[in-house]
N, C-alpha and C. Protein backbone atom coordinates (compact mmCIF):
# COMPACT_ATOMS: atom_id res chain seq x y z
N MET A 1 22.32 -10.82 -17.85
CA MET A 1 23.15 -10.15 -16.87
C MET A 1 23.99 -11.23 -16.19
N ASP A 2 25.29 -11.01 -16.10
CA ASP A 2 26.16 -11.99 -15.47
C ASP A 2 26.00 -11.94 -13.95
N GLY A 3 26.57 -12.93 -13.28
CA GLY A 3 26.43 -13.05 -11.83
C GLY A 3 26.95 -11.85 -11.06
N ARG A 4 28.07 -11.31 -11.49
CA ARG A 4 28.65 -10.18 -10.77
C ARG A 4 27.78 -8.93 -10.90
N ARG A 5 27.27 -8.69 -12.09
CA ARG A 5 26.40 -7.53 -12.28
C ARG A 5 25.09 -7.70 -11.51
N ARG A 6 24.58 -8.92 -11.47
CA ARG A 6 23.34 -9.19 -10.73
C ARG A 6 23.56 -8.95 -9.24
N ARG A 7 24.71 -9.39 -8.72
CA ARG A 7 25.01 -9.17 -7.29
C ARG A 7 25.10 -7.69 -6.98
N ARG A 8 25.77 -6.94 -7.87
CA ARG A 8 25.89 -5.49 -7.66
C ARG A 8 24.52 -4.82 -7.68
N ALA A 9 23.67 -5.25 -8.61
CA ALA A 9 22.33 -4.68 -8.69
C ALA A 9 21.54 -5.04 -7.44
N GLY A 10 21.70 -6.27 -6.94
CA GLY A 10 21.03 -6.66 -5.71
C GLY A 10 21.51 -5.86 -4.52
N GLN A 11 22.81 -5.61 -4.47
CA GLN A 11 23.36 -4.77 -3.40
C GLN A 11 22.81 -3.36 -3.49
N ARG A 12 22.72 -2.84 -4.70
CA ARG A 12 22.17 -1.50 -4.91
C ARG A 12 20.72 -1.43 -4.45
N LEU A 13 19.97 -2.47 -4.71
CA LEU A 13 18.58 -2.53 -4.28
C LEU A 13 18.50 -2.45 -2.76
N GLY A 14 19.35 -3.19 -2.07
CA GLY A 14 19.38 -3.13 -0.61
C GLY A 14 19.76 -1.76 -0.10
N GLN A 15 20.74 -1.14 -0.74
CA GLN A 15 21.16 0.21 -0.33
C GLN A 15 20.04 1.22 -0.53
N LEU A 16 19.35 1.11 -1.65
CA LEU A 16 18.24 2.04 -1.92
C LEU A 16 17.13 1.87 -0.89
N ARG A 17 16.82 0.63 -0.55
CA ARG A 17 15.77 0.39 0.45
C ARG A 17 16.14 1.01 1.79
N GLN A 18 17.40 0.86 2.19
CA GLN A 18 17.84 1.41 3.48
C GLN A 18 17.86 2.93 3.46
N ALA A 19 18.18 3.52 2.34
CA ALA A 19 18.32 4.97 2.26
C ALA A 19 17.01 5.69 1.95
N LEU A 20 15.95 4.93 1.70
CA LEU A 20 14.68 5.53 1.31
C LEU A 20 14.13 6.41 2.42
N PRO A 21 13.91 7.69 2.14
CA PRO A 21 13.38 8.59 3.16
C PRO A 21 11.96 8.18 3.56
N ALA A 22 11.64 8.35 4.80
CA ALA A 22 10.30 8.06 5.28
C ALA A 22 9.34 9.15 4.84
N GLY A 23 8.08 8.82 4.81
CA GLY A 23 7.08 9.82 4.47
C GLY A 23 6.94 10.00 2.98
N GLY A 24 6.51 11.17 2.59
CA GLY A 24 6.28 11.44 1.18
C GLY A 24 7.25 12.47 0.67
N GLY A 25 6.83 13.19 -0.31
CA GLY A 25 7.65 14.25 -0.88
C GLY A 25 8.54 13.77 -2.00
N THR A 26 9.27 14.70 -2.54
CA THR A 26 10.11 14.44 -3.71
C THR A 26 11.19 13.40 -3.43
N ALA A 27 11.87 13.50 -2.30
CA ALA A 27 12.95 12.56 -2.00
C ALA A 27 12.42 11.12 -1.93
N HIS A 28 11.26 10.96 -1.33
CA HIS A 28 10.66 9.62 -1.24
C HIS A 28 10.28 9.12 -2.63
N LEU A 29 9.68 9.98 -3.42
CA LEU A 29 9.28 9.62 -4.78
C LEU A 29 10.49 9.19 -5.60
N VAL A 30 11.54 9.98 -5.57
CA VAL A 30 12.74 9.67 -6.34
C VAL A 30 13.37 8.37 -5.85
N GLY A 31 13.35 8.15 -4.54
CA GLY A 31 13.86 6.89 -3.99
C GLY A 31 13.06 5.69 -4.46
N GLN A 32 11.74 5.81 -4.47
CA GLN A 32 10.88 4.72 -4.95
C GLN A 32 11.12 4.46 -6.43
N VAL A 33 11.30 5.52 -7.21
CA VAL A 33 11.58 5.36 -8.64
C VAL A 33 12.91 4.64 -8.82
N GLY A 34 13.90 4.97 -8.00
CA GLY A 34 15.18 4.27 -8.06
C GLY A 34 15.04 2.79 -7.75
N LEU A 35 14.20 2.47 -6.77
CA LEU A 35 13.93 1.06 -6.46
C LEU A 35 13.27 0.37 -7.65
N ALA A 36 12.30 1.03 -8.25
CA ALA A 36 11.61 0.45 -9.40
C ALA A 36 12.58 0.21 -10.56
N GLU A 37 13.47 1.17 -10.81
CA GLU A 37 14.44 1.00 -11.88
C GLU A 37 15.39 -0.16 -11.61
N THR A 38 15.77 -0.33 -10.36
CA THR A 38 16.65 -1.45 -10.01
C THR A 38 15.93 -2.77 -10.20
N HIS A 39 14.67 -2.85 -9.78
CA HIS A 39 13.89 -4.07 -10.03
C HIS A 39 13.83 -4.36 -11.53
N LEU A 40 13.60 -3.32 -12.31
CA LEU A 40 13.53 -3.48 -13.76
C LEU A 40 14.85 -3.98 -14.31
N HIS A 41 15.94 -3.41 -13.83
CA HIS A 41 17.28 -3.83 -14.26
C HIS A 41 17.54 -5.30 -13.94
N LEU A 42 17.00 -5.75 -12.82
CA LEU A 42 17.16 -7.15 -12.42
C LEU A 42 16.20 -8.08 -13.16
N GLY A 43 15.31 -7.50 -13.97
CA GLY A 43 14.37 -8.30 -14.73
C GLY A 43 13.08 -8.61 -14.01
N ASN A 44 12.87 -8.00 -12.86
CA ASN A 44 11.67 -8.24 -12.08
C ASN A 44 10.65 -7.15 -12.41
N VAL A 45 9.97 -7.32 -13.52
CA VAL A 45 9.05 -6.31 -14.03
C VAL A 45 7.88 -6.11 -13.08
N ASP A 46 7.34 -7.19 -12.52
CA ASP A 46 6.21 -7.05 -11.60
C ASP A 46 6.57 -6.20 -10.39
N ALA A 47 7.74 -6.45 -9.80
CA ALA A 47 8.18 -5.65 -8.65
C ALA A 47 8.43 -4.21 -9.05
N ALA A 48 8.94 -4.00 -10.26
CA ALA A 48 9.17 -2.64 -10.75
C ALA A 48 7.86 -1.87 -10.85
N VAL A 49 6.85 -2.51 -11.41
CA VAL A 49 5.55 -1.85 -11.57
C VAL A 49 4.90 -1.61 -10.20
N GLU A 50 4.98 -2.59 -9.33
CA GLU A 50 4.41 -2.43 -7.99
C GLU A 50 5.07 -1.26 -7.25
N THR A 51 6.39 -1.18 -7.33
CA THR A 51 7.11 -0.09 -6.67
C THR A 51 6.80 1.25 -7.34
N ALA A 52 6.64 1.24 -8.65
CA ALA A 52 6.28 2.46 -9.36
C ALA A 52 4.91 2.96 -8.92
N HIS A 53 3.99 2.03 -8.70
CA HIS A 53 2.66 2.42 -8.20
C HIS A 53 2.77 3.05 -6.81
N VAL A 54 3.61 2.48 -5.97
CA VAL A 54 3.83 3.05 -4.63
C VAL A 54 4.35 4.48 -4.76
N ALA A 55 5.27 4.69 -5.69
CA ALA A 55 5.83 6.02 -5.90
C ALA A 55 4.75 7.00 -6.32
N VAL A 56 3.96 6.62 -7.31
CA VAL A 56 2.93 7.51 -7.83
C VAL A 56 1.86 7.78 -6.76
N ASP A 57 1.43 6.73 -6.09
CA ASP A 57 0.40 6.90 -5.06
C ASP A 57 0.89 7.76 -3.90
N GLY A 58 2.20 7.73 -3.65
CA GLY A 58 2.77 8.52 -2.58
C GLY A 58 3.09 9.95 -2.96
N MET A 59 2.92 10.28 -4.22
CA MET A 59 3.23 11.65 -4.66
C MET A 59 2.38 12.68 -3.93
N GLY A 60 1.12 12.38 -3.77
CA GLY A 60 0.24 13.26 -3.02
C GLY A 60 0.32 14.72 -3.40
N GLY A 61 0.34 15.00 -4.68
CA GLY A 61 0.38 16.38 -5.14
C GLY A 61 1.78 16.94 -5.33
N VAL A 62 2.80 16.14 -5.12
CA VAL A 62 4.17 16.60 -5.36
C VAL A 62 4.32 16.88 -6.85
N THR A 63 4.74 18.07 -7.17
CA THR A 63 4.86 18.44 -8.58
C THR A 63 6.25 18.99 -8.90
N SER A 64 7.24 18.60 -8.14
CA SER A 64 8.59 19.12 -8.39
C SER A 64 9.11 18.60 -9.72
N ALA A 65 9.98 19.37 -10.32
CA ALA A 65 10.59 18.97 -11.59
C ALA A 65 11.39 17.68 -11.42
N ARG A 66 12.11 17.57 -10.31
CA ARG A 66 12.93 16.38 -10.07
C ARG A 66 12.07 15.12 -10.00
N GLY A 67 10.99 15.18 -9.26
CA GLY A 67 10.10 14.03 -9.14
C GLY A 67 9.41 13.70 -10.44
N THR A 68 8.94 14.72 -11.13
CA THR A 68 8.27 14.52 -12.42
C THR A 68 9.23 13.93 -13.44
N ASN A 69 10.46 14.43 -13.48
CA ASN A 69 11.46 13.90 -14.43
C ASN A 69 11.81 12.45 -14.11
N ALA A 70 11.95 12.13 -12.82
CA ALA A 70 12.28 10.76 -12.43
C ALA A 70 11.17 9.81 -12.87
N LEU A 71 9.93 10.22 -12.67
CA LEU A 71 8.80 9.39 -13.07
C LEU A 71 8.73 9.24 -14.59
N GLU A 72 8.98 10.30 -15.32
CA GLU A 72 8.96 10.24 -16.79
C GLU A 72 10.07 9.32 -17.31
N ASP A 73 11.24 9.39 -16.71
CA ASP A 73 12.33 8.49 -17.12
C ASP A 73 11.95 7.04 -16.89
N LEU A 74 11.34 6.77 -15.75
CA LEU A 74 10.90 5.40 -15.45
C LEU A 74 9.84 4.95 -16.46
N ARG A 75 8.91 5.82 -16.77
CA ARG A 75 7.87 5.48 -17.75
C ARG A 75 8.50 5.10 -19.10
N LYS A 76 9.53 5.82 -19.51
CA LYS A 76 10.21 5.51 -20.78
C LYS A 76 10.85 4.13 -20.73
N LYS A 77 11.46 3.82 -19.60
CA LYS A 77 12.10 2.51 -19.45
C LYS A 77 11.06 1.40 -19.43
N LEU A 78 9.95 1.65 -18.75
CA LEU A 78 8.89 0.65 -18.71
C LEU A 78 8.21 0.48 -20.06
N ALA A 79 8.16 1.55 -20.84
CA ALA A 79 7.48 1.49 -22.14
C ALA A 79 8.08 0.44 -23.06
N ARG A 80 9.33 0.11 -22.86
CA ARG A 80 9.98 -0.94 -23.66
C ARG A 80 9.35 -2.30 -23.41
N ARG A 81 8.60 -2.40 -22.31
CA ARG A 81 7.94 -3.66 -21.95
C ARG A 81 6.42 -3.49 -21.95
N ARG A 82 5.94 -2.65 -22.83
CA ARG A 82 4.52 -2.34 -22.92
C ARG A 82 3.66 -3.59 -23.13
N GLY A 83 4.24 -4.66 -23.67
CA GLY A 83 3.49 -5.89 -23.90
C GLY A 83 3.10 -6.62 -22.63
N VAL A 84 3.72 -6.29 -21.52
CA VAL A 84 3.37 -6.89 -20.23
C VAL A 84 2.13 -6.16 -19.72
N PRO A 85 1.04 -6.87 -19.45
CA PRO A 85 -0.20 -6.20 -19.05
C PRO A 85 -0.06 -5.22 -17.89
N ALA A 86 0.69 -5.58 -16.86
CA ALA A 86 0.85 -4.68 -15.71
C ALA A 86 1.56 -3.38 -16.12
N VAL A 87 2.50 -3.49 -17.04
CA VAL A 87 3.21 -2.30 -17.52
C VAL A 87 2.26 -1.42 -18.33
N ALA A 88 1.51 -2.03 -19.23
CA ALA A 88 0.56 -1.27 -20.05
C ALA A 88 -0.45 -0.55 -19.16
N GLU A 89 -0.92 -1.23 -18.13
CA GLU A 89 -1.87 -0.63 -17.20
C GLU A 89 -1.25 0.55 -16.46
N PHE A 90 0.01 0.39 -16.00
CA PHE A 90 0.69 1.48 -15.30
C PHE A 90 0.89 2.68 -16.22
N LEU A 91 1.30 2.42 -17.44
CA LEU A 91 1.54 3.53 -18.38
C LEU A 91 0.23 4.27 -18.66
N GLU A 92 -0.85 3.53 -18.77
CA GLU A 92 -2.15 4.18 -18.98
C GLU A 92 -2.55 4.98 -17.73
N TYR A 93 -2.34 4.39 -16.57
CA TYR A 93 -2.69 5.03 -15.29
C TYR A 93 -1.93 6.33 -15.10
N THR A 94 -0.69 6.38 -15.56
CA THR A 94 0.14 7.56 -15.34
C THR A 94 0.24 8.47 -16.56
N ALA A 95 -0.53 8.17 -17.59
CA ALA A 95 -0.49 9.00 -18.81
C ALA A 95 -0.98 10.41 -18.49
N THR A 96 -0.30 11.38 -19.07
CA THR A 96 -0.73 12.77 -18.91
C THR A 96 -1.58 13.14 -20.10
N THR A 97 -2.43 14.08 -19.89
CA THR A 97 -3.34 14.48 -20.98
C THR A 97 -2.78 15.65 -21.74
């Protein structure tokens, strides 16, 4: 990723953090997933997985289609890095039966 794209991604990360709704629910989940995707885009896999765990742990029974789809999209993106132990663990933790 070139310097300009990295700066834009970093700016996006800051914007997402500021716009993240407090509390739980679908909006919070989707915001956390957006943060995780931005970390992943920046190449920070550990931060992406950590943020993804925060999203999942904060779901608290949220079963909306929007939240579920956001999480599934993130899982697909993380699956490309299945060789990273933290990613493999997250994918197993969030696997559906």
